[in-house]
Amino acid sequence: MRADRSKTVFMRGCGDLGTGVALALVAAGYRVLVIERPRPTTLRRQVALSTAAIEGRVTVGGVEAVHAETLDAIDEALAAGQVPVWTRGEAALGGRYRPDAIVDARLRGLAEPSLDKAEAPVVIALGPGYVAGRHCHYVIETNRGPSLGAVLERGQAEPHTGVPGTVAGEAARRILRSPVAGVFTGIRGLGELVEAGEVVGTVDGVPVRARLSGMIRGLLLDGHAVPAGKKVGDVDPRGADAPLSEPSDKSAAIGAGVLEALRRGEGGGRAGA
């Protein structure tokens, strides 16, 4: 599938999973405009185009994203084949761009299913909470397993399990969680090697400790308020061999699912149209 370069996709959120979608869209010939928070909550920032909101620009998988602070800067980035990241809110775009499709990659459907399938010719959501045929035309399955990346034309994706995929025999212990409600502050950084029991950060002064030895592959930005038990990072037990800067196979599968949904939608077979 190869898109007309005049077709524009709005991506709401572009963390590590959303970045897999953006890479697939760019490779297929779409223009991608990311709408992101000024301070994203992305954990795996090394493989997320949302990082451009903080650092000004970032390259992942050969695709460069730039923080666009004006509408003209968006135009310049799109003309250069880059992905502009806009942090001033969708309303501030002022109707200058009419998306051919919207992909909601915020993974906030369970908390806030604020999506309307009338917003664009094709509206796609990632993960549970959104209902295909009601909030959007298609939902993409995000849980690992045989259905990962599946395109749903009716109903919802599977509930999040809260447990990541198994790596080197470890799953639940990989996750760093907030011990209390409060504001997160990192002590160690992405890509650093830590030992089990080592303090990686704090939440209102209460330590967040690694539960196993390995490399810090994901970590929340300083200053974000979190509830108790919230995921604030993850440790990869492979240590120095962990693929810190490589997009995951999971994100690629989700990206392939979005392309399939677009193929169906652009072919006139939109679910719930």
Foldseek 3Di string as FASTA:
>chain_A
DADDLVAEEEEEDWALLNLLQVVLCLVNRYAYEYEYALAHFHWLLLATQCCLSPVQWHAAPNAIEGADDDLVSCVVQSVVSHYYYYHPDPVVNVPPDQHQEYEYEPQCLCPDLPAAQVSHLFYEYEAFNDFALGRGQWYAAQDDDPRQLPTDRGGGHDHDPCWADAAPNDINLFFWWAQAWAWKDADDDAFDWDAAQDFGIHGVNHTTTRRHTAGWQTATHGGDTDGGGHTGTGGHRVHNPDPNNHRDPSSNSNSVSVVVSVVCSVVVNGRND
